[in-house]
Amino acid sequence: MIRPARNHPGFWAFVAHRVSGVALALFLPLHFLVLGLALESGDALDRMLAVADRPVFKIAEWGLVVLLTIHLCAGLRVMALEFLPWRDTRKGLIGIGAVTALLVGALFMLRVG
């Protein structure tokens, strides 16, 4: 059973911020591996880019862009709550962040697809 405090949109914004941060941190070693391949040789990078051209990787790229946007919007929300005198607009900030993440993801998918 979910406690009432965990049913608040602010709690779910907190969870989205943390989960997206962990997922992005898990992505970084793969990113550094690909950068290392680029430094090592052009052939190794070309092979990796050929693998990354598959549809499953395109979907993963979309997920990465959405995660980055969620993390950015949730972080900006936290900063606004900390440094600005806005206290009554929390649900509005959460909604703006969620809609922004979905719009950026949709725009990315349209450009990539």
PDB file of N, CA and C in Angstrom:
ATOM      1  N   MET A   1       0.838  -1.179   0.000  1.00  0.00           N
ATOM      2  CA  MET A   1       0.000   0.000   0.000  1.00  0.00           C
ATOM      3  C   MET A   1       0.882   1.242   0.000  1.00  0.00           C
ATOM      4  N   ILE A   2       0.525   2.200  -0.836  1.00  0.00           N
ATOM      5  CA  ILE A   2       1.299   3.429  -0.947  1.00  0.00           C
ATOM      6  C   ILE A   2       0.841   4.415   0.127  1.00  0.00           C
ATOM      7  N   ARG A   3       1.812   4.931   0.864  1.00  0.00           N
ATOM      8  CA  ARG A   3       1.495   5.933   1.877  1.00  0.00           C
ATOM      9  C   ARG A   3       1.014   7.208   1.198  1.00  0.00           C
ATOM     10  N   PRO A   4       0.165   8.002   1.861  1.00  0.00           N
ATOM     11  CA  PRO A   4      -0.372   9.221   1.233  1.00  0.00           C
ATOM     12  C   PRO A   4       0.716  10.172   0.742  1.00  0.00           C
ATOM     13  N   ALA A   5       1.825  10.290   1.464  1.00  0.00           N
ATOM     14  CA  ALA A   5       2.895  11.191   1.029  1.00  0.00           C
ATOM     15  C   ALA A   5       3.518  10.720  -0.277  1.00  0.00           C
ATOM     16  N   ARG A   6       3.465   9.421  -0.531  1.00  0.00           N
ATOM     17  CA  ARG A   6       4.046   8.887  -1.759  1.00  0.00           C
ATOM     18  C   ARG A   6       3.072   8.907  -2.920  1.00  0.00           C
ATOM     19  N   ASN A   7       1.901   9.423  -2.705  1.00  0.00           N
ATOM     20  CA  ASN A   7       0.925   9.530  -3.769  1.00  0.00           C
ATOM     21  C   ASN A   7       0.878  10.956  -4.315  1.00  0.00           C
ATOM     22  N   HIS A   8       1.759  11.815  -3.838  1.00  0.00           N
ATOM     23  CA  HIS A   8       1.815  13.212  -4.237  1.00  0.00           C
ATOM     24  C   HIS A   8       2.656  13.351  -5.510  1.00  0.00           C
ATOM     25  N   PRO A   9       2.281  14.223  -6.425  1.00  0.00           N
ATOM     26  CA  PRO A   9       3.077  14.409  -7.644  1.00  0.00           C
ATOM     27  C   PRO A   9       4.533  14.799  -7.366  1.00  0.00           C
ATOM     28  N   GLY A  10       4.767  15.519  -6.276  1.00  0.00           N
ATOM     29  CA  GLY A  10       6.133  15.896  -5.928  1.00  0.00           C
ATOM     30  C   GLY A  10       7.008  14.686  -5.639  1.00  0.00           C
ATOM     31  N   PHE A  11       6.434  13.672  -5.019  1.00  0.00           N
ATOM     32  CA  PHE A  11       7.186  12.451  -4.747  1.00  0.00           C
ATOM     33  C   PHE A  11       7.560  11.765  -6.055  1.00  0.00           C
ATOM     34  N   TRP A  12       6.626  11.711  -7.004  1.00  0.00           N
ATOM     35  CA  TRP A  12       6.900  11.044  -8.272  1.00  0.00           C
ATOM     36  C   TRP A  12       7.884  11.850  -9.109  1.00  0.00           C
ATOM     37  N   ALA A  13       7.879  13.178  -8.970  1.00  0.00           N
ATOM     38  CA  ALA A  13       8.894  13.998  -9.638  1.00  0.00           C
ATOM     39  C   ALA A  13      10.273  13.702  -9.042  1.00  0.00           C
ATOM     40  N   PHE A  14      10.329  13.534  -7.726  1.00  0.00           N
ATOM     41  CA  PHE A  14      11.574  13.159  -7.053  1.00  0.00           C
ATOM     42  C   PHE A  14      12.072  11.810  -7.563  1.00  0.00           C
ATOM     43  N   VAL A  15      11.163  10.836  -7.661  1.00  0.00           N
ATOM     44  CA  VAL A  15      11.533   9.503  -8.136  1.00  0.00           C
ATOM     45  C   VAL A  15      12.031   9.572  -9.589  1.00  0.00           C
ATOM     46  N   ALA A  16      11.330  10.328 -10.440  1.00  0.00           N
ATOM     47  CA  ALA A  16      11.747  10.449 -11.840  1.00  0.00           C
ATOM     48  C   ALA A  16      13.131  11.080 -11.939  1.00  0.00           C
ATOM     49  N   HIS A  17      13.397  12.083 -11.104  1.00  0.00           N
ATOM     50  CA  HIS A  17      14.704  12.742 -11.121  1.00  0.00           C
ATOM     51  C   HIS A  17      15.799  11.764 -10.716  1.00  0.00           C
ATOM     52  N   ARG A  18      15.567  10.998  -9.662  1.00  0.00           N
ATOM     53  CA  ARG A  18      16.575  10.041  -9.196  1.00  0.00           C
ATOM     54  C   ARG A  18      16.779   8.890 -10.178  1.00  0.00           C
ATOM     55  N   VAL A  19      15.703   8.323 -10.681  1.00  0.00           N
ATOM     56  CA  VAL A  19      15.805   7.192 -11.601  1.00  0.00           C
ATOM     57  C   VAL A  19      16.482   7.619 -12.904  1.00  0.00           C
ATOM     58  N   SER A  20      16.122   8.783 -13.418  1.00  0.00           N
ATOM     59  CA  SER A  20      16.762   9.254 -14.651  1.00  0.00           C
ATOM     60  C   SER A  20      18.247   9.530 -14.412  1.00  0.00           C
ATOM     61  N   GLY A  21      18.599  10.040 -13.238  1.00  0.00           N
ATOM     62  CA  GLY A  21      20.013  10.267 -12.924  1.00  0.00           C
ATOM     63  C   GLY A  21      20.799   8.972 -12.855  1.00  0.00           C
ATOM     64  N   VAL A  22      20.236   7.962 -12.241  1.00  0.00           N
ATOM     65  CA  VAL A  22      20.919   6.657 -12.155  1.00  0.00           C
ATOM     66  C   VAL A  22      21.048   6.036 -13.551  1.00  0.00           C
ATOM     67  N   ALA A  23      19.988   6.113 -14.344  1.00  0.00           N
ATOM     68  CA  ALA A  23      20.046   5.545 -15.699  1.00  0.00           C
ATOM     69  C   ALA A  23      21.093   6.258 -16.551  1.00  0.00           C
ATOM     70  N   LEU A  24      21.185   7.570 -16.417  1.00  0.00           N
ATOM     71  CA  LEU A  24      22.197   8.315 -17.166  1.00  0.00           C
ATOM     72  C   LEU A  24      23.602   7.958 -16.682  1.00  0.00           C
ATOM     73  N   ALA A  25      23.761   7.754 -15.392  1.00  0.00           N
ATOM     74  CA  ALA A  25      25.069   7.363 -14.856  1.00  0.00           C
ATOM     75  C   ALA A  25      25.460   5.972 -15.359  1.00  0.00           C
ATOM     76  N   LEU A  26      24.495   5.085 -15.525  1.00  0.00           N
ATOM     77  CA  LEU A  26      24.781   3.760 -16.061  1.00  0.00           C
ATOM     78  C   LEU A  26      25.135   3.809 -17.548  1.00  0.00           C
ATOM     79  N   PHE A  27      24.618   4.814 -18.250  1.00  0.00           N
ATOM     80  CA  PHE A  27      24.908   4.970 -19.674  1.00  0.00           C
ATOM     81  C   PHE A  27      26.328   5.487 -19.917  1.00  0.00           C
ATOM     82  N   LEU A  28      26.859   6.269 -18.995  1.00  0.00           N
ATOM     83  CA  LEU A  28      28.153   6.918 -19.213  1.00  0.00           C
ATOM     84  C   LEU A  28      29.301   5.970 -19.566  1.00  0.00           C
ATOM     85  N   PRO A  29      29.463   4.820 -18.911  1.00  0.00           N
ATOM     86  CA  PRO A  29      30.569   3.933 -19.319  1.00  0.00           C
ATOM     87  C   PRO A  29      30.483   3.491 -20.781  1.00  0.00           C
ATOM     88  N   LEU A  30      29.285   3.223 -21.271  1.00  0.00           N
ATOM     89  CA  LEU A  30      29.118   2.858 -22.681  1.00  0.00           C
ATOM     90  C   LEU A  30      29.512   4.027 -23.582  1.00  0.00           C
ATOM     91  N   HIS A  31      29.116   5.214 -23.180  1.00  0.00           N
ATOM     92  CA  HIS A  31      29.463   6.409 -23.938  1.00  0.00           C
ATOM     93  C   HIS A  31      30.985   6.593 -23.999  1.00  0.00           C
ATOM     94  N   PHE A  32      31.645   6.412 -22.857  1.00  0.00           N
ATOM     95  CA  PHE A  32      33.104   6.547 -22.825  1.00  0.00           C
ATOM     96  C   PHE A  32      33.784   5.445 -23.638  1.00  0.00           C
ATOM     97  N   LEU A  33      33.196   4.256 -23.672  1.00  0.00           N
ATOM     98  CA  LEU A  33      33.732   3.172 -24.490  1.00  0.00           C
ATOM     99  C   LEU A  33      33.706   3.557 -25.964  1.00  0.00           C
ATOM    100  N   VAL A  34      32.594   4.118 -26.412  1.00  0.00           N
ATOM    101  CA  VAL A  34      32.487   4.533 -27.813  1.00  0.00           C
ATOM    102  C   VAL A  34      33.464   5.671 -28.109  1.00  0.00           C
ATOM    103  N   LEU A  35      33.615   6.605 -27.187  1.00  0.00           N
ATOM    104  CA  LEU A  35      34.603   7.666 -27.382  1.00  0.00           C
ATOM    105  C   LEU A  35      36.016   7.094 -27.456  1.00  0.00           C
ATOM    106  N   GLY A  36      36.294   6.100 -26.634  1.00  0.00           N
ATOM    107  CA  GLY A  36      37.597   5.437 -26.683  1.00  0.00           C
ATOM    108  C   GLY A  36      37.826   4.741 -28.006  1.00  0.00           C
ATOM    109  N   LEU A  37      36.770   4.132 -28.553  1.00  0.00           N
ATOM    110  CA  LEU A  37      36.888   3.497 -29.871  1.00  0.00           C
ATOM    111  C   LEU A  37      37.200   4.534 -30.943  1.00  0.00           C
ATOM    112  N   ALA A  38      36.615   5.703 -30.816  1.00  0.00           N
ATOM    113  CA  ALA A  38      36.878   6.768 -31.783  1.00  0.00           C
ATOM    114  C   ALA A  38      38.333   7.207 -31.726  1.00  0.00           C
ATOM    115  N   LEU A  39      38.906   7.235 -30.542  1.00  0.00           N
ATOM    116  CA  LEU A  39      40.304   7.622 -30.394  1.00  0.00           C
ATOM    117  C   LEU A  39      41.245   6.510 -30.837  1.00  0.00           C
ATOM    118  N   GLU A  40      40.805   5.262 -30.627  1.00  0.00           N
ATOM    119  CA  GLU A  40      41.652   4.108 -30.937  1.00  0.00           C
ATOM    120  C   GLU A  40      41.829   3.921 -32.442  1.00  0.00           C
ATOM    121  N   SER A  41      40.710   3.807 -33.143  1.00  0.00           N
ATOM    122  CA  SER A  41      40.807   3.646 -34.597  1.00  0.00           C
ATOM    123  C   SER A  41      39.466   3.965 -35.245  1.00  0.00           C
ATOM    124  N   GLY A  42      39.548   4.418 -36.450  1.00  0.00           N
ATOM    125  CA  GLY A  42      38.330   4.739 -37.185  1.00  0.00           C
ATOM    126  C   GLY A  42      37.523   3.507 -37.533  1.00  0.00           C
ATOM    127  N   ASP A  43      38.209   2.381 -37.752  1.00  0.00           N
ATOM    128  CA  ASP A  43      37.496   1.147 -38.112  1.00  0.00           C
ATOM    129  C   ASP A  43      36.633   0.640 -36.960  1.00  0.00           C
ATOM    130  N   ALA A  44      37.176   0.683 -35.758  1.00  0.00           N
ATOM    131  CA  ALA A  44      36.410   0.228 -34.586  1.00  0.00           C
ATOM    132  C   ALA A  44      35.196   1.121 -34.370  1.00  0.00           C
ATOM    133  N   LEU A  45      35.372   2.417 -34.565  1.00  0.00           N
ATOM    134  CA  LEU A  45      34.242   3.331 -34.428  1.00  0.00           C
ATOM    135  C   LEU A  45      33.203   3.061 -35.512  1.00  0.00           C
ATOM    136  N   ASP A  46      33.638   2.833 -36.734  1.00  0.00           N
ATOM    137  CA  ASP A  46      32.700   2.544 -37.818  1.00  0.00           C
ATOM    138  C   ASP A  46      31.896   1.276 -37.547  1.00  0.00           C
ATOM    139  N   ARG A  47      32.546   0.246 -36.992  1.00  0.00           N
ATOM    140  CA  ARG A  47      31.821  -0.986 -36.642  1.00  0.00           C
ATOM    141  C   ARG A  47      30.779  -0.704 -35.558  1.00  0.00           C
ATOM    142  N   MET A  48      31.162   0.087 -34.559  1.00  0.00           N
ATOM    143  CA  MET A  48      30.222   0.411 -33.483  1.00  0.00           C
ATOM    144  C   MET A  48      29.060   1.248 -34.008  1.00  0.00           C
ATOM    145  N   LEU A  49      29.342   2.180 -34.892  1.00  0.00           N
ATOM    146  CA  LEU A  49      28.274   3.003 -35.467  1.00  0.00           C
ATOM    147  C   LEU A  49      27.345   2.173 -36.346  1.00  0.00           C
ATOM    148  N   ALA A  50      27.882   1.155 -37.003  1.00  0.00           N
ATOM    149  CA  ALA A  50      27.034   0.259 -37.802  1.00  0.00           C
ATOM    150  C   ALA A  50      26.089  -0.531 -36.894  1.00  0.00           C
ATOM    151  N   VAL A  51      26.605  -0.964 -35.751  1.00  0.00           N
ATOM    152  CA  VAL A  51      25.753  -1.663 -34.777  1.00  0.00           C
ATOM    153  C   VAL A  51      24.706  -0.706 -34.215  1.00  0.00           C
ATOM    154  N   ALA A  52      25.112   0.527 -33.959  1.00  0.00           N
ATOM    155  CA  ALA A  52      24.204   1.511 -33.349  1.00  0.00           C
ATOM    156  C   ALA A  52      23.146   2.008 -34.322  1.00  0.00           C
ATOM    157  N   ASP A  53      23.235   1.633 -35.582  1.00  0.00           N
ATOM    158  CA  ASP A  53      22.248   2.069 -36.570  1.00  0.00           C
ATOM    159  C   ASP A  53      21.008   1.176 -36.585  1.00  0.00           C
ATOM    160  N   ARG A  54      20.962   0.188 -35.733  1.00  0.00           N
ATOM    161  CA  ARG A  54      19.804  -0.722 -35.659  1.00  0.00           C
ATOM    162  C   ARG A  54      18.640  -0.046 -34.932  1.00  0.00           C
ATOM    163  N   PRO A  55      17.414  -0.486 -35.230  1.00  0.00           N
ATOM    164  CA  PRO A  55      16.232   0.143 -34.618  1.00  0.00           C
ATOM    165  C   PRO A  55      16.228   0.111 -33.080  1.00  0.00           C
ATOM    166  N   VAL A  56      16.729  -0.960 -32.474  1.00  0.00           N
ATOM    167  CA  VAL A  56      16.723  -1.027 -31.012  1.00  0.00           C
ATOM    168  C   VAL A  56      17.577   0.100 -30.419  1.00  0.00           C
ATOM    169  N   PHE A  57      18.662   0.457 -31.116  1.00  0.00           N
ATOM    170  CA  PHE A  57      19.503   1.546 -30.632  1.00  0.00           C
ATOM    171  C   PHE A  57      18.836   2.900 -30.850  1.00  0.00           C
ATOM    172  N   LYS A  58      18.066   3.012 -31.915  1.00  0.00           N
ATOM    173  CA  LYS A  58      17.324   4.263 -32.152  1.00  0.00           C
ATOM    174  C   LYS A  58      16.300   4.477 -31.044  1.00  0.00           C
ATOM    175  N   ILE A  59      15.643   3.411 -30.633  1.00  0.00           N
ATOM    176  CA  ILE A  59      14.688   3.509 -29.528  1.00  0.00           C
ATOM    177  C   ILE A  59      15.423   3.861 -28.232  1.00  0.00           C
ATOM    178  N   ALA A  60      16.588   3.262 -28.035  1.00  0.00           N
ATOM    179  CA  ALA A  60      17.385   3.573 -26.845  1.00  0.00           C
ATOM    180  C   ALA A  60      17.857   5.028 -26.857  1.00  0.00           C
ATOM    181  N   GLU A  61      18.202   5.546 -28.042  1.00  0.00           N
ATOM    182  CA  GLU A  61      18.575   6.959 -28.142  1.00  0.00           C
ATOM    183  C   GLU A  61      17.410   7.844 -27.749  1.00  0.00           C
ATOM    184  N   TRP A  62      16.221   7.484 -28.218  1.00  0.00           N
ATOM    185  CA  TRP A  62      15.033   8.247 -27.847  1.00  0.00           C
ATOM    186  C   TRP A  62      14.850   8.223 -26.333  1.00  0.00           C
ATOM    187  N   GLY A  63      15.005   7.049 -25.736  1.00  0.00           N
ATOM    188  CA  GLY A  63      14.880   6.936 -24.281  1.00  0.00           C
ATOM    189  C   GLY A  63      15.923   7.777 -23.559  1.00  0.00           C
ATOM    190  N   LEU A  64      17.119   7.817 -24.099  1.00  0.00           N
ATOM    191  CA  LEU A  64      18.181   8.626 -23.501  1.00  0.00           C
ATOM    192  C   LEU A  64      17.831  10.106 -23.552  1.00  0.00           C
ATOM    193  N   VAL A  65      17.306  10.567 -24.683  1.00  0.00           N
ATOM    194  CA  VAL A  65      16.911  11.974 -24.801  1.00  0.00           C
ATOM    195  C   VAL A  65      15.789  12.293 -23.822  1.00  0.00           C
ATOM    196  N   VAL A  66      14.821  11.396 -23.695  1.00  0.00           N
ATOM    197  CA  VAL A  66      13.727  11.616 -22.745  1.00  0.00           C
ATOM    198  C   VAL A  66      14.262  11.633 -21.309  1.00  0.00           C
ATOM    199  N   LEU A  67      15.162  10.708 -20.980  1.00  0.00           N
ATOM    200  CA  LEU A  67      15.754  10.691 -19.638  1.00  0.00           C
ATOM    201  C   LEU A  67      16.528  11.974 -19.347  1.00  0.00           C
ATOM    202  N   LEU A  68      17.300  12.439 -20.331  1.00  0.00           N
ATOM    203  CA  LEU A  68      18.033  13.688 -20.151  1.00  0.00           C
ATOM    204  C   LEU A  68      17.089  14.856 -19.909  1.00  0.00           C
ATOM    205  N   THR A  69      15.997  14.898 -20.656  1.00  0.00           N
ATOM    206  CA  THR A  69      15.032  15.990 -20.507  1.00  0.00           C
ATOM    207  C   THR A  69      14.317  15.900 -19.164  1.00  0.00           C
ATOM    208  N   ILE A  70      13.934  14.702 -18.760  1.00  0.00           N
ATOM    209  CA  ILE A  70      13.301  14.537 -17.444  1.00  0.00           C
ATOM    210  C   ILE A  70      14.254  14.991 -16.353  1.00  0.00           C
ATOM    211  N   HIS A  71      15.506  14.576 -16.439  1.00  0.00           N
ATOM    212  CA  HIS A  71      16.482  14.937 -15.414  1.00  0.00           C
ATOM    213  C   HIS A  71      16.711  16.448 -15.396  1.00  0.00           C
ATOM    214  N   LEU A  72      16.801  17.060 -16.580  1.00  0.00           N
ATOM    215  CA  LEU A  72      16.986  18.506 -16.658  1.00  0.00           C
ATOM    216  C   LEU A  72      15.797  19.248 -16.072  1.00  0.00           C
ATOM    217  N   CYS A  73      14.596  18.879 -16.489  1.00  0.00           N
ATOM    218  CA  CYS A  73      13.391  19.576 -16.007  1.00  0.00           C
ATOM    219  C   CYS A  73      13.186  19.381 -14.510  1.00  0.00           C
ATOM    220  N   ALA A  74      13.412  18.176 -14.030  1.00  0.00           N
ATOM    221  CA  ALA A  74      13.253  17.937 -12.588  1.00  0.00           C
ATOM    222  C   ALA A  74      14.321  18.685 -11.795  1.00  0.00           C
ATOM    223  N   GLY A  75      15.530  18.762 -12.321  1.00  0.00           N
ATOM    224  CA  GLY A  75      16.574  19.525 -11.650  1.00  0.00           C
ATOM    225  C   GLY A  75      16.276  21.011 -11.627  1.00  0.00           C
ATOM    226  N   LEU A  76      15.762  21.543 -12.738  1.00  0.00           N
ATOM    227  CA  LEU A  76      15.371  22.957 -12.771  1.00  0.00           C
ATOM    228  C   LEU A  76      14.224  23.225 -11.805  1.00  0.00           C
ATOM    229  N   ARG A  77      13.308  22.266 -11.692  1.00  0.00           N
ATOM    230  CA  ARG A  77      12.199  22.403 -10.741  1.00  0.00           C
ATOM    231  C   ARG A  77      12.720  22.494  -9.318  1.00  0.00           C
ATOM    232  N   VAL A  78      13.669  21.622  -8.978  1.00  0.00           N
ATOM    233  CA  VAL A  78      14.249  21.639  -7.633  1.00  0.00           C
ATOM    234  C   VAL A  78      14.955  22.966  -7.382  1.00  0.00           C
ATOM    235  N   MET A  79      15.709  23.445  -8.375  1.00  0.00           N
ATOM    236  CA  MET A  79      16.403  24.721  -8.207  1.00  0.00           C
ATOM    237  C   MET A  79      15.414  25.875  -8.049  1.00  0.00           C
ATOM    238  N   ALA A  80      14.323  25.852  -8.820  1.00  0.00           N
ATOM    239  CA  ALA A  80      13.312  26.905  -8.693  1.00  0.00           C
ATOM    240  C   ALA A  80      12.674  26.874  -7.307  1.00  0.00           C
ATOM    241  N   LEU A  81      12.388  25.681  -6.805  1.00  0.00           N
ATOM    242  CA  LEU A  81      11.794  25.575  -5.475  1.00  0.00           C
ATOM    243  C   LEU A  81      12.760  26.039  -4.387  1.00  0.00           C
ATOM    244  N   GLU A  82      14.047  25.817  -4.596  1.00  0.00           N
ATOM    245  CA  GLU A  82      15.041  26.205  -3.595  1.00  0.00           C
ATOM    246  C   GLU A  82      15.334  27.700  -3.611  1.00  0.00           C
ATOM    247  N   PHE A  83      15.446  28.278  -4.805  1.00  0.00           N
ATOM    248  CA  PHE A  83      15.973  29.633  -4.900  1.00  0.00           C
ATOM    249  C   PHE A  83      14.940  30.711  -5.210  1.00  0.00           C
ATOM    250  N   LEU A  84      13.763  30.341  -5.648  1.00  0.00           N
ATOM    251  CA  LEU A  84      12.746  31.333  -5.984  1.00  0.00           C
ATOM    252  C   LEU A  84      11.619  31.291  -4.955  1.00  0.00           C
ATOM    253  N   PRO A  85      10.889  32.386  -4.821  1.00  0.00           N
ATOM    254  CA  PRO A  85       9.826  32.423  -3.813  1.00  0.00           C
ATOM    255  C   PRO A  85       8.544  31.703  -4.227  1.00  0.00           C
ATOM    256  N   TRP A  86       8.572  30.889  -5.272  1.00  0.00           N
ATOM    257  CA  TRP A  86       7.393  30.167  -5.730  1.00  0.00           C
ATOM    258  C   TRP A  86       7.174  28.955  -4.837  1.00  0.00           C
ATOM    259  N   ARG A  87       6.052  28.885  -4.197  1.00  0.00           N
ATOM    260  CA  ARG A  87       5.737  27.724  -3.365  1.00  0.00           C
ATOM    261  C   ARG A  87       4.430  27.060  -3.782  1.00  0.00           C
ATOM    262  N   ASP A  88       3.558  27.809  -4.435  1.00  0.00           N
ATOM    263  CA  ASP A  88       2.240  27.273  -4.757  1.00  0.00           C
ATOM    264  C   ASP A  88       2.156  26.677  -6.158  1.00  0.00           C
ATOM    265  N   THR A  89       3.247  26.684  -6.892  1.00  0.00           N
ATOM    266  CA  THR A  89       3.197  26.221  -8.283  1.00  0.00           C
ATOM    267  C   THR A  89       3.896  24.878  -8.476  1.00  0.00           C
ATOM    268  N   ARG A  90       4.015  24.082  -7.445  1.00  0.00           N
ATOM    269  CA  ARG A  90       4.754  22.824  -7.553  1.00  0.00           C
ATOM    270  C   ARG A  90       4.155  21.882  -8.580  1.00  0.00           C
ATOM    271  N   LYS A  91       2.853  21.673  -8.529  1.00  0.00           N
ATOM    272  CA  LYS A  91       2.231  20.757  -9.486  1.00  0.00           C
ATOM    273  C   LYS A  91       2.342  21.297 -10.904  1.00  0.00           C
ATOM    274  N   GLY A  92       2.280  22.601 -11.053  1.00  0.00           N
ATOM    275  CA  GLY A  92       2.458  23.213 -12.369  1.00  0.00           C
ATOM    276  C   GLY A  92       3.844  22.973 -12.919  1.00  0.00           C
ATOM    277  N   LEU A  93       4.861  23.106 -12.065  1.00  0.00           N
ATOM    278  CA  LEU A  93       6.241  22.859 -12.502  1.00  0.00           C
ATOM    279  C   LEU A  93       6.444  21.389 -12.878  1.00  0.00           C
ATOM    280  N   ILE A  94       5.832  20.498 -12.127  1.00  0.00           N
ATOM    281  CA  ILE A  94       5.933  19.073 -12.442  1.00  0.00           C
ATOM    282  C   ILE A  94       5.280  18.795 -13.796  1.00  0.00           C
ATOM    283  N   GLY A  95       4.117  19.363 -14.022  1.00  0.00           N
ATOM    284  CA  GLY A  95       3.423  19.176 -15.295  1.00  0.00           C
ATOM    285  C   GLY A  95       4.192  19.752 -16.469  1.00  0.00           C
ATOM    286  N   ILE A  96       4.762  20.942 -16.277  1.00  0.00           N
ATOM    287  CA  ILE A  96       5.551  21.561 -17.339  1.00  0.00           C
ATOM    288  C   ILE A  96       6.754  20.684 -17.677  1.00  0.00           C
ATOM    289  N   GLY A  97       7.405  20.144 -16.648  1.00  0.00           N
ATOM    290  CA  GLY A  97       8.554  19.274 -16.881  1.00  0.00           C
ATOM    291  C   GLY A  97       8.175  18.007 -17.622  1.00  0.00           C
ATOM    292  N   ALA A  98       7.058  17.398 -17.237  1.00  0.00           N
ATOM    293  CA  ALA A  98       6.622  16.159 -17.894  1.00  0.00           C
ATOM    294  C   ALA A  98       6.248  16.413 -19.350  1.00  0.00           C
ATOM    295  N   VAL A  99       5.523  17.478 -19.598  1.00  0.00           N
ATOM    296  CA  VAL A  99       5.127  17.799 -20.973  1.00  0.00           C
ATOM    297  C   VAL A  99       6.355  18.141 -21.813  1.00  0.00           C
ATOM    298  N   THR A 100       7.290  18.881 -21.240  1.00  0.00           N
ATOM    299  CA  THR A 100       8.518  19.223 -21.962  1.00  0.00           C
ATOM    300  C   THR A 100       9.297  17.971 -22.335  1.00  0.00           C
ATOM    301  N   ALA A 101       9.419  17.035 -21.405  1.00  0.00           N
ATOM    302  CA  ALA A 101      10.138  15.787 -21.688  1.00  0.00           C
ATOM    303  C   ALA A 101       9.463  15.019 -22.833  1.00  0.00           C
ATOM    304  N   LEU A 102       8.144  14.956 -22.810  1.00  0.00           N
ATOM    305  CA  LEU A 102       7.430  14.249 -23.878  1.00  0.00           C
ATOM    306  C   LEU A 102       7.567  14.952 -25.217  1.00  0.00           C
ATOM    307  N   LEU A 103       7.505  16.289 -25.217  1.00  0.00           N
ATOM    308  CA  LEU A 103       7.649  17.038 -26.464  1.00  0.00           C
ATOM    309  C   LEU A 103       9.055  16.904 -27.046  1.00  0.00           C
ATOM    310  N   VAL A 104      10.067  17.001 -26.205  1.00  0.00           N
ATOM    311  CA  VAL A 104      11.443  16.844 -26.691  1.00  0.00           C
ATOM    312  C   VAL A 104      11.645  15.429 -27.233  1.00  0.00           C
ATOM    313  N   GLY A 105      11.107  14.437 -26.548  1.00  0.00           N
ATOM    314  CA  GLY A 105      11.201  13.065 -27.037  1.00  0.00           C
ATOM    315  C   GLY A 105      10.509  12.896 -28.382  1.00  0.00           C
ATOM    316  N   ALA A 106       9.339  13.502 -28.531  1.00  0.00           N
ATOM    317  CA  ALA A 106       8.604  13.406 -29.796  1.00  0.00           C
ATOM    318  C   ALA A 106       9.367  14.117 -30.919  1.00  0.00           C
ATOM    319  N   LEU A 107       9.889  15.294 -30.638  1.00  0.00           N
ATOM    320  CA  LEU A 107      10.667  16.022 -31.643  1.00  0.00           C
ATOM    321  C   LEU A 107      11.912  15.237 -32.059  1.00  0.00           C
ATOM    322  N   PHE A 108      12.573  14.623 -31.087  1.00  0.00           N
ATOM    323  CA  PHE A 108      13.754  13.818 -31.390  1.00  0.00           C
ATOM    324  C   PHE A 108      13.377  12.654 -32.274  1.00  0.00           C
ATOM    325  N   MET A 109      12.271  11.989 -31.962  1.00  0.00           N
ATOM    326  CA  MET A 109      11.855  10.829 -32.740  1.00  0.00           C
ATOM    327  C   MET A 109      11.497  11.236 -34.167  1.00  0.00           C
ATOM    328  N   LEU A 110      10.891  12.402 -34.339  1.00  0.00           N
ATOM    329  CA  LEU A 110      10.565  12.865 -35.671  1.00  0.00           C
ATOM    330  C   LEU A 110      11.814  13.184 -36.489  1.00  0.00           C
ATOM    331  N   ARG A 111      12.836  13.726 -35.836  1.00  0.00           N
ATOM    332  CA  ARG A 111      14.083  14.064 -36.540  1.00  0.00           C
ATOM    333  C   ARG A 111      14.902  12.803 -36.861  1.00  0.00           C
ATOM    334  N   VAL A 112      14.897  11.833 -35.963  1.00  0.00           N
ATOM    335  CA  VAL A 112      15.693  10.622 -36.170  1.00  0.00           C
ATOM    336  C   VAL A 112      14.997   9.664 -37.121  1.00  0.00           C
ATOM    337  N   GLY A 113      13.686   9.507 -36.928  1.00  0.00           N
ATOM    338  CA  GLY A 113      12.923   8.534 -37.702  1.00  0.00           C
ATOM    339  C   GLY A 113      12.820   8.944 -39.108  1.00  0.00           C
TER     340      GLY A 113
END
